[in-house]
Structures are given as C-alpha cells and as structure tokens.
Amino acid sequence: MDAPREAHDAAPPTTPDAAPNAVDELGRPTGTWAEKDPHGGVVQGEYVDGERHGLWRHRSDAGALRSEGHYDRGRLTGPWTWYRASGGVLQRGELLDGEKHGYWQRFTADGTPIDEGHFDRGRKSGEWTYYHPDGTVRRTSVHRGHPPQAG
C-alpha cells in the first residue's frame, strides 16, 4: 500500500520579482502572483478580487514542490497534497473552509501508510485505520465527529 509518487516537476519556483504581481484599481492583488513564504520557499497562484482562488503551489527555495491545493475566494477548499523533500507524499486530503473535511491519508518517508480515514469539519469521523511500519493494519477505531446540528 505504498503512497503513489506524485507526478510533479522540480522546476525552479517563480520568484516574486518575476511574477506579474499586479493589483487592480482598488489596490487588491489580481492575476498570477508569487510570494515569499515566511517558512521558506515561494507560493504561487491566482488572485481574484484580492483573494487567493484556484490552484496554489508552494515550492522550496530549490524548486521542489512542497504542497499544492485549492482556494475558493480565500478559503482553503478542495484537494490538498503535502510532499516530503524527497518528493514522496507526506499527506493528502480534502479541506472545506480551511478545515480537514473528507478522506485523509498520511504516509511514512518510504511511502507506507501511517493512517487513513475521514474528517468532518476538522474532527476525525467514522472508521480510521492505523498501520504498522510494515504496512499491515495495526488497529481500526471509530470516531464520532461532530454531533448532529439542531435545526
């Protein structure tokens, strides 16, 4: 059950100086932007009406892809994947308004699964499977998630 190697290039990141980094008539970021990340590297994607929107990628200073995922009008929403320096998948899953929501998987450096299961608005929900270092199932557990909402 190895984590698939994601097909991503190690192209050098676009530097903030090389990206258009335009602003609209209201002074809001618009179009393609590349920004230095305070943790190192560069993040690049599109701004719409001053908010991150669509696919954004974070690359290390050396150009290796560190993460990629989607924004919907400034909110982390949709599929996201984080990569190890080696290029292997560290973790991947879905986000909804910035919270883990949906199916998630985490992997060791050699691609063996660590755990997998679902999140419900930031909380583990339903059955989760946890693995031994050799990839065999260590245990499963059931999480309740959020209580039903009244109304």
N, C-alpha and C. Protein backbone atom coordinates (compact mmCIF):
# COMPACT_ATOMS: atom_id res chain seq x y z
N MET A 1 0.83 -1.19 0.00
CA MET A 1 0.00 0.00 0.00
C MET A 1 0.87 1.24 0.00
N ASP A 2 1.80 1.32 -0.87
CA ASP A 2 2.69 2.47 -0.92
C ASP A 2 1.96 3.70 -1.44
N ALA A 3 2.39 4.85 -0.94
CA ALA A 3 1.86 6.11 -1.44
C ALA A 3 2.36 6.30 -2.85
N PRO A 4 1.49 6.62 -3.76
CA PRO A 4 1.98 6.84 -5.12
C PRO A 4 2.90 8.04 -5.16
N ARG A 5 3.88 7.95 -6.00
CA ARG A 5 4.72 9.12 -6.24
C ARG A 5 3.93 10.04 -7.14
N GLU A 6 3.76 11.24 -6.68
CA GLU A 6 3.00 12.20 -7.47
C GLU A 6 3.87 12.71 -8.62
N ALA A 7 3.25 12.90 -9.74
CA ALA A 7 3.97 13.44 -10.89
C ALA A 7 4.00 14.96 -10.75
N HIS A 8 5.13 15.48 -10.31
CA HIS A 8 5.29 16.93 -10.21
C HIS A 8 6.72 17.28 -10.57
N ASP A 9 6.86 18.39 -11.16
CA ASP A 9 8.18 18.78 -11.62
C ASP A 9 8.94 19.48 -10.50
N ALA A 10 10.23 19.53 -10.66
CA ALA A 10 11.08 20.22 -9.70
C ALA A 10 11.60 21.51 -10.32
N ALA A 11 10.79 22.12 -11.15
CA ALA A 11 11.19 23.36 -11.80
C ALA A 11 11.44 24.43 -10.75
N PRO A 12 12.37 25.32 -11.02
CA PRO A 12 12.63 26.37 -10.05
C PRO A 12 11.37 27.22 -9.87
N PRO A 13 11.16 27.69 -8.65
CA PRO A 13 9.96 28.49 -8.41
C PRO A 13 10.04 29.82 -9.15
N THR A 14 8.88 30.34 -9.45
CA THR A 14 8.84 31.71 -9.96
C THR A 14 9.15 32.61 -8.78
N THR A 15 10.03 33.52 -8.98
CA THR A 15 10.36 34.42 -7.87
C THR A 15 9.34 35.54 -7.82
N PRO A 16 9.14 36.11 -6.65
CA PRO A 16 8.22 37.23 -6.56
C PRO A 16 8.57 38.36 -7.53
N ASP A 17 9.86 38.53 -7.80
CA ASP A 17 10.27 39.59 -8.73
C ASP A 17 9.89 39.28 -10.17
N ALA A 18 9.76 37.97 -10.52
CA ALA A 18 9.48 37.58 -11.90
C ALA A 18 7.99 37.46 -12.20
N ALA A 19 7.15 37.32 -11.17
CA ALA A 19 5.71 37.18 -11.37
C ALA A 19 5.10 38.55 -11.65
N PRO A 20 3.97 38.55 -12.35
CA PRO A 20 3.32 39.84 -12.63
C PRO A 20 2.94 40.60 -11.36
N ASN A 21 2.42 39.89 -10.34
CA ASN A 21 2.05 40.52 -9.06
C ASN A 21 1.34 41.86 -9.26
N ALA A 22 0.31 41.85 -10.09
CA ALA A 22 -0.43 43.07 -10.40
C ALA A 22 -1.49 43.36 -9.34
N VAL A 23 -1.90 44.59 -9.29
CA VAL A 23 -3.02 44.99 -8.43
C VAL A 23 -4.09 45.62 -9.29
N ASP A 24 -5.34 45.50 -8.83
CA ASP A 24 -6.45 46.10 -9.58
C ASP A 24 -6.61 47.57 -9.19
N GLU A 25 -7.64 48.21 -9.71
CA GLU A 25 -7.84 49.64 -9.47
C GLU A 25 -8.14 49.95 -8.00
N LEU A 26 -8.51 48.92 -7.21
CA LEU A 26 -8.75 49.10 -5.78
C LEU A 26 -7.52 48.76 -4.94
N GLY A 27 -6.41 48.41 -5.62
CA GLY A 27 -5.18 48.09 -4.93
C GLY A 27 -5.11 46.66 -4.41
N ARG A 28 -6.04 45.81 -4.88
CA ARG A 28 -6.06 44.41 -4.46
C ARG A 28 -5.22 43.56 -5.40
N PRO A 29 -4.56 42.51 -4.88
CA PRO A 29 -3.82 41.60 -5.77
C PRO A 29 -4.77 41.00 -6.80
N THR A 30 -4.28 40.86 -8.03
CA THR A 30 -5.08 40.26 -9.09
C THR A 30 -4.18 39.48 -10.05
N GLY A 31 -4.71 38.40 -10.59
CA GLY A 31 -3.94 37.61 -11.55
C GLY A 31 -2.89 36.76 -10.86
N THR A 32 -1.87 36.36 -11.63
CA THR A 32 -0.81 35.48 -11.12
C THR A 32 0.11 36.21 -10.16
N TRP A 33 0.35 35.57 -9.03
CA TRP A 33 1.25 36.12 -8.01
C TRP A 33 2.20 35.04 -7.54
N ALA A 34 3.40 35.46 -7.18
CA ALA A 34 4.36 34.61 -6.48
C ALA A 34 4.82 35.41 -5.27
N GLU A 35 4.77 34.76 -4.11
CA GLU A 35 5.09 35.43 -2.86
C GLU A 35 6.06 34.59 -2.05
N LYS A 36 7.01 35.24 -1.38
CA LYS A 36 7.90 34.53 -0.47
C LYS A 36 7.06 33.99 0.69
N ASP A 37 7.36 32.74 1.08
CA ASP A 37 6.68 32.14 2.21
C ASP A 37 7.53 32.37 3.46
N PRO A 38 6.94 32.78 4.57
CA PRO A 38 7.75 33.04 5.77
C PRO A 38 8.49 31.80 6.28
N HIS A 39 8.04 30.60 5.88
CA HIS A 39 8.69 29.37 6.30
C HIS A 39 9.72 28.90 5.26
N GLY A 40 9.93 29.70 4.24
CA GLY A 40 10.88 29.36 3.19
C GLY A 40 10.17 29.01 1.90
N GLY A 41 10.81 29.29 0.80
CA GLY A 41 10.24 28.98 -0.50
C GLY A 41 9.31 30.07 -1.01
N VAL A 42 8.54 29.67 -2.02
CA VAL A 42 7.65 30.60 -2.71
C VAL A 42 6.30 29.94 -2.92
N VAL A 43 5.23 30.69 -2.72
CA VAL A 43 3.88 30.22 -3.04
C VAL A 43 3.41 30.98 -4.28
N GLN A 44 2.73 30.27 -5.17
CA GLN A 44 2.30 30.89 -6.42
C GLN A 44 0.91 30.42 -6.79
N GLY A 45 0.12 31.37 -7.27
CA GLY A 45 -1.22 31.07 -7.74
C GLY A 45 -1.90 32.34 -8.22
N GLU A 46 -3.21 32.27 -8.29
CA GLU A 46 -4.01 33.39 -8.82
C GLU A 46 -4.78 34.09 -7.71
N TYR A 47 -4.88 35.39 -7.84
CA TYR A 47 -5.76 36.19 -7.00
C TYR A 47 -6.96 36.63 -7.83
N VAL A 48 -8.13 36.58 -7.24
CA VAL A 48 -9.36 37.10 -7.85
C VAL A 48 -10.02 38.01 -6.80
N ASP A 49 -10.25 39.24 -7.16
CA ASP A 49 -10.85 40.21 -6.23
C ASP A 49 -10.10 40.28 -4.91
N GLY A 50 -8.75 40.18 -4.98
CA GLY A 50 -7.92 40.31 -3.80
C GLY A 50 -7.80 39.07 -2.94
N GLU A 51 -8.37 37.94 -3.40
CA GLU A 51 -8.32 36.71 -2.61
C GLU A 51 -7.71 35.58 -3.43
N ARG A 52 -6.99 34.70 -2.74
CA ARG A 52 -6.45 33.53 -3.42
C ARG A 52 -7.61 32.69 -3.94
N HIS A 53 -7.43 32.22 -5.19
CA HIS A 53 -8.50 31.45 -5.81
C HIS A 53 -7.89 30.45 -6.80
N GLY A 54 -8.41 29.23 -6.78
CA GLY A 54 -7.89 28.21 -7.68
C GLY A 54 -6.67 27.52 -7.11
N LEU A 55 -5.89 26.90 -8.00
CA LEU A 55 -4.73 26.11 -7.60
C LEU A 55 -3.57 26.99 -7.16
N TRP A 56 -3.01 26.68 -5.99
CA TRP A 56 -1.81 27.34 -5.48
C TRP A 56 -0.77 26.27 -5.20
N ARG A 57 0.49 26.60 -5.46
CA ARG A 57 1.59 25.68 -5.22
C ARG A 57 2.65 26.36 -4.35
N HIS A 58 3.21 25.59 -3.43
CA HIS A 58 4.29 26.06 -2.57
C HIS A 58 5.53 25.26 -2.94
N ARG A 59 6.58 25.95 -3.32
CA ARG A 59 7.84 25.30 -3.69
C ARG A 59 8.93 25.74 -2.73
N SER A 60 9.89 24.84 -2.52
CA SER A 60 11.05 25.18 -1.70
C SER A 60 11.92 26.17 -2.47
N ASP A 61 12.91 26.71 -1.78
CA ASP A 61 13.84 27.62 -2.46
C ASP A 61 14.56 26.91 -3.60
N ALA A 62 14.73 25.58 -3.50
CA ALA A 62 15.40 24.81 -4.55
C ALA A 62 14.45 24.43 -5.69
N GLY A 63 13.16 24.71 -5.52
CA GLY A 63 12.19 24.44 -6.59
C GLY A 63 11.34 23.20 -6.40
N ALA A 64 11.60 22.41 -5.35
CA ALA A 64 10.82 21.19 -5.12
C ALA A 64 9.41 21.56 -4.63
N LEU A 65 8.43 20.85 -5.15
CA LEU A 65 7.04 21.08 -4.74
C LEU A 65 6.86 20.62 -3.30
N ARG A 66 6.37 21.51 -2.44
CA ARG A 66 6.15 21.19 -1.02
C ARG A 66 4.67 20.95 -0.73
N SER A 67 3.78 21.67 -1.40
CA SER A 67 2.35 21.45 -1.24
C SER A 67 1.62 22.07 -2.42
N GLU A 68 0.41 21.56 -2.65
CA GLU A 68 -0.43 22.16 -3.68
C GLU A 68 -1.88 21.88 -3.32
N GLY A 69 -2.71 22.87 -3.61
CA GLY A 69 -4.12 22.71 -3.32
C GLY A 69 -4.90 23.92 -3.78
N HIS A 70 -6.17 23.91 -3.45
CA HIS A 70 -7.10 24.90 -3.99
C HIS A 70 -7.63 25.86 -2.93
N TYR A 71 -7.86 27.05 -3.40
CA TYR A 71 -8.55 28.07 -2.62
C TYR A 71 -9.85 28.40 -3.34
N ASP A 72 -10.85 28.73 -2.57
CA ASP A 72 -12.11 29.24 -3.12
C ASP A 72 -12.37 30.57 -2.44
N ARG A 73 -12.07 31.64 -3.15
CA ARG A 73 -12.25 33.00 -2.64
C ARG A 73 -11.59 33.19 -1.27
N GLY A 74 -10.31 32.77 -1.19
CA GLY A 74 -9.52 32.99 0.01
C GLY A 74 -9.59 31.88 1.04
N ARG A 75 -10.44 30.90 0.83
CA ARG A 75 -10.57 29.80 1.80
C ARG A 75 -9.97 28.53 1.22
N LEU A 76 -9.18 27.83 2.05
CA LEU A 76 -8.62 26.54 1.65
C LEU A 76 -9.77 25.56 1.47
N THR A 77 -10.02 25.15 0.25
CA THR A 77 -11.15 24.27 -0.05
C THR A 77 -10.77 23.34 -1.19
N GLY A 78 -11.06 22.04 -1.02
CA GLY A 78 -10.79 21.08 -2.07
C GLY A 78 -9.59 20.23 -1.75
N PRO A 79 -9.08 19.50 -2.75
CA PRO A 79 -7.96 18.58 -2.50
C PRO A 79 -6.66 19.33 -2.24
N TRP A 80 -5.90 18.82 -1.27
CA TRP A 80 -4.57 19.34 -0.94
C TRP A 80 -3.62 18.18 -0.77
N THR A 81 -2.37 18.37 -1.18
CA THR A 81 -1.33 17.37 -1.01
C THR A 81 -0.07 18.06 -0.51
N TRP A 82 0.57 17.45 0.51
CA TRP A 82 1.85 17.92 1.03
C TRP A 82 2.90 16.87 0.70
N TYR A 83 4.08 17.35 0.30
CA TYR A 83 5.16 16.46 -0.15
C TYR A 83 6.36 16.54 0.79
N ARG A 84 7.10 15.45 0.84
CA ARG A 84 8.37 15.40 1.55
C ARG A 84 9.45 16.00 0.64
N ALA A 85 10.58 16.34 1.23
CA ALA A 85 11.70 16.87 0.43
C ALA A 85 12.13 15.88 -0.63
N SER A 86 11.92 14.57 -0.36
CA SER A 86 12.29 13.52 -1.31
C SER A 86 11.34 13.45 -2.50
N GLY A 87 10.19 14.13 -2.41
CA GLY A 87 9.19 14.10 -3.48
C GLY A 87 8.02 13.18 -3.19
N GLY A 88 8.17 12.31 -2.18
CA GLY A 88 7.06 11.42 -1.82
C GLY A 88 5.94 12.18 -1.12
N VAL A 89 4.77 11.59 -1.13
CA VAL A 89 3.61 12.21 -0.48
C VAL A 89 3.74 12.08 1.03
N LEU A 90 3.59 13.19 1.75
CA LEU A 90 3.54 13.21 3.21
C LEU A 90 2.11 12.97 3.67
N GLN A 91 1.19 13.76 3.15
CA GLN A 91 -0.23 13.60 3.45
C GLN A 91 -1.07 14.24 2.37
N ARG A 92 -2.31 13.78 2.28
CA ARG A 92 -3.23 14.39 1.32
C ARG A 92 -4.65 14.20 1.82
N GLY A 93 -5.48 15.15 1.42
CA GLY A 93 -6.87 15.09 1.82
C GLY A 93 -7.63 16.30 1.33
N GLU A 94 -8.86 16.39 1.79
CA GLU A 94 -9.75 17.48 1.38
C GLU A 94 -9.88 18.50 2.50
N LEU A 95 -10.03 19.75 2.11
CA LEU A 95 -10.30 20.82 3.06
C LEU A 95 -11.62 21.49 2.67
N LEU A 96 -12.31 21.99 3.67
CA LEU A 96 -13.54 22.74 3.46
C LEU A 96 -13.47 23.96 4.35
N ASP A 97 -13.42 25.12 3.75
CA ASP A 97 -13.31 26.38 4.50
C ASP A 97 -12.16 26.33 5.51
N GLY A 98 -11.03 25.76 5.10
CA GLY A 98 -9.83 25.75 5.93
C GLY A 98 -9.75 24.60 6.93
N GLU A 99 -10.76 23.76 7.00
CA GLU A 99 -10.75 22.63 7.93
C GLU A 99 -10.64 21.32 7.16
N LYS A 100 -9.97 20.33 7.79
CA LYS A 100 -9.93 19.00 7.19
C LYS A 100 -11.37 18.48 7.12
N HIS A 101 -11.74 18.01 5.94
CA HIS A 101 -13.11 17.54 5.74
C HIS A 101 -13.10 16.54 4.59
N GLY A 102 -13.43 15.30 4.87
CA GLY A 102 -13.38 14.27 3.85
C GLY A 102 -12.24 13.30 4.12
N TYR A 103 -11.85 12.55 3.11
CA TYR A 103 -10.88 11.47 3.24
C TYR A 103 -9.45 12.02 3.35
N TRP A 104 -8.67 11.49 4.32
CA TRP A 104 -7.28 11.88 4.53
C TRP A 104 -6.40 10.66 4.66
N GLN A 105 -5.15 10.81 4.19
CA GLN A 105 -4.13 9.77 4.31
C GLN A 105 -2.81 10.42 4.68
N ARG A 106 -2.04 9.71 5.52
CA ARG A 106 -0.67 10.13 5.84
C ARG A 106 0.26 8.95 5.58
N PHE A 107 1.52 9.28 5.18
CA PHE A 107 2.48 8.26 4.78
C PHE A 107 3.84 8.49 5.43
N THR A 108 4.57 7.40 5.62
CA THR A 108 5.95 7.49 6.09
C THR A 108 6.84 7.92 4.93
N ALA A 109 8.11 8.15 5.23
CA ALA A 109 9.06 8.56 4.20
C ALA A 109 9.22 7.52 3.11
N ASP A 110 9.02 6.23 3.43
CA ASP A 110 9.16 5.19 2.40
C ASP A 110 7.84 4.91 1.69
N GLY A 111 6.80 5.67 2.00
CA GLY A 111 5.52 5.53 1.30
C GLY A 111 4.54 4.58 1.95
N THR A 112 4.88 4.03 3.10
CA THR A 112 3.97 3.15 3.82
C THR A 112 2.89 3.99 4.50
N PRO A 113 1.64 3.56 4.46
CA PRO A 113 0.60 4.36 5.12
C PRO A 113 0.80 4.39 6.64
N ILE A 114 0.51 5.53 7.22
CA ILE A 114 0.51 5.70 8.67
C ILE A 114 -0.92 5.52 9.18
N ASP A 115 -1.83 6.27 8.57
CA ASP A 115 -3.23 6.17 8.93
C ASP A 115 -4.08 6.74 7.80
N GLU A 116 -5.38 6.42 7.86
CA GLU A 116 -6.32 6.95 6.87
C GLU A 116 -7.72 6.89 7.43
N GLY A 117 -8.51 7.87 7.01
CA GLY A 117 -9.89 7.94 7.46
C GLY A 117 -10.51 9.26 7.04
N HIS A 118 -11.67 9.56 7.60
CA HIS A 118 -12.41 10.76 7.22
C HIS A 118 -12.42 11.79 8.35
N PHE A 119 -12.48 13.04 7.93
CA PHE A 119 -12.69 14.16 8.84
C PHE A 119 -14.05 14.77 8.54
N ASP A 120 -14.67 15.27 9.59
CA ASP A 120 -15.93 16.01 9.48
C ASP A 120 -15.68 17.38 10.09
N ARG A 121 -15.48 18.38 9.23
CA ARG A 121 -15.23 19.75 9.66
C ARG A 121 -14.17 19.83 10.76
N GLY A 122 -13.01 19.19 10.51
CA GLY A 122 -11.87 19.29 11.41
C GLY A 122 -11.76 18.20 12.46
N ARG A 123 -12.74 17.33 12.57
CA ARG A 123 -12.69 16.25 13.57
C ARG A 123 -12.71 14.90 12.88
N LYS A 124 -11.92 13.96 13.42
CA LYS A 124 -11.97 12.60 12.88
C LYS A 124 -13.38 12.06 13.02
N SER A 125 -13.81 11.35 11.97
CA SER A 125 -15.18 10.86 11.93
C SER A 125 -15.21 9.49 11.28
N GLY A 126 -16.02 8.58 11.81
CA GLY A 126 -16.15 7.26 11.21
C GLY A 126 -14.92 6.40 11.48
N GLU A 127 -14.76 5.36 10.65
CA GLU A 127 -13.68 4.40 10.86
C GLU A 127 -12.35 4.95 10.39
N TRP A 128 -11.34 4.79 11.21
CA TRP A 128 -9.95 5.13 10.88
C TRP A 128 -9.11 3.87 10.97
N THR A 129 -8.17 3.75 10.06
CA THR A 129 -7.26 2.61 10.05
C THR A 129 -5.86 3.12 10.32
N TYR A 130 -5.15 2.44 11.23
CA TYR A 130 -3.78 2.78 11.61
C TYR A 130 -2.89 1.60 11.25
N TYR A 131 -1.71 1.90 10.72
CA TYR A 131 -0.84 0.86 10.17
C TYR A 131 0.46 0.70 10.95
N HIS A 132 0.99 -0.54 10.95
CA HIS A 132 2.33 -0.83 11.44
C HIS A 132 3.33 -0.33 10.39
N PRO A 133 4.60 -0.17 10.78
CA PRO A 133 5.61 0.27 9.81
C PRO A 133 5.74 -0.62 8.58
N ASP A 134 5.33 -1.90 8.69
CA ASP A 134 5.41 -2.79 7.52
C ASP A 134 4.19 -2.70 6.62
N GLY A 135 3.23 -1.83 6.98
CA GLY A 135 2.04 -1.62 6.16
C GLY A 135 0.85 -2.48 6.53
N THR A 136 1.02 -3.39 7.48
CA THR A 136 -0.13 -4.19 7.91
C THR A 136 -0.97 -3.37 8.89
N VAL A 137 -2.25 -3.72 8.99
CA VAL A 137 -3.16 -2.97 9.85
C VAL A 137 -2.79 -3.20 11.31
N ARG A 138 -2.58 -2.12 12.03
CA ARG A 138 -2.30 -2.17 13.47
C ARG A 138 -3.61 -2.20 14.24
N ARG A 139 -4.54 -1.31 13.87
CA ARG A 139 -5.85 -1.28 14.51
C ARG A 139 -6.79 -0.39 13.72
N THR A 140 -8.05 -0.51 14.01
CA THR A 140 -9.04 0.41 13.48
C THR A 140 -9.81 0.98 14.67
N SER A 141 -10.34 2.16 14.49
CA SER A 141 -11.16 2.76 15.54
C SER A 141 -12.25 3.58 14.87
N VAL A 142 -13.28 3.83 15.63
CA VAL A 142 -14.41 4.61 15.12
C VAL A 142 -14.48 5.91 15.91
N HIS A 143 -14.56 7.01 15.18
CA HIS A 143 -14.64 8.35 15.78
C HIS A 143 -16.02 8.93 15.50
N ARG A 144 -16.53 9.69 16.43
CA ARG A 144 -17.89 10.24 16.30
C ARG A 144 -17.99 11.48 15.44
N GLY A 145 -16.95 12.27 15.35
CA GLY A 145 -17.05 13.51 14.58
C GLY A 145 -17.87 14.52 15.34
N HIS A 146 -18.54 15.39 14.63
CA HIS A 146 -19.37 16.43 15.24
C HIS A 146 -20.74 15.86 15.58
N PRO A 147 -21.32 16.31 16.68
CA PRO A 147 -22.70 15.89 16.96
C PRO A 147 -23.65 16.49 15.93
N PRO A 148 -24.76 15.83 15.69
CA PRO A 148 -25.74 16.39 14.73
C PRO A 148 -26.15 17.80 15.13
N GLN A 149 -26.32 18.66 14.15
CA GLN A 149 -26.73 20.04 14.43
C GLN A 149 -28.24 20.13 14.51
N ALA A 150 -28.71 20.87 15.48
CA ALA A 150 -30.16 21.07 15.63
C ALA A 150 -30.64 22.05 14.58
N GLY A 151 -31.87 21.86 14.21
CA GLY A 151 -32.40 22.89 13.35
C GLY A 151 -32.94 22.44 12.13
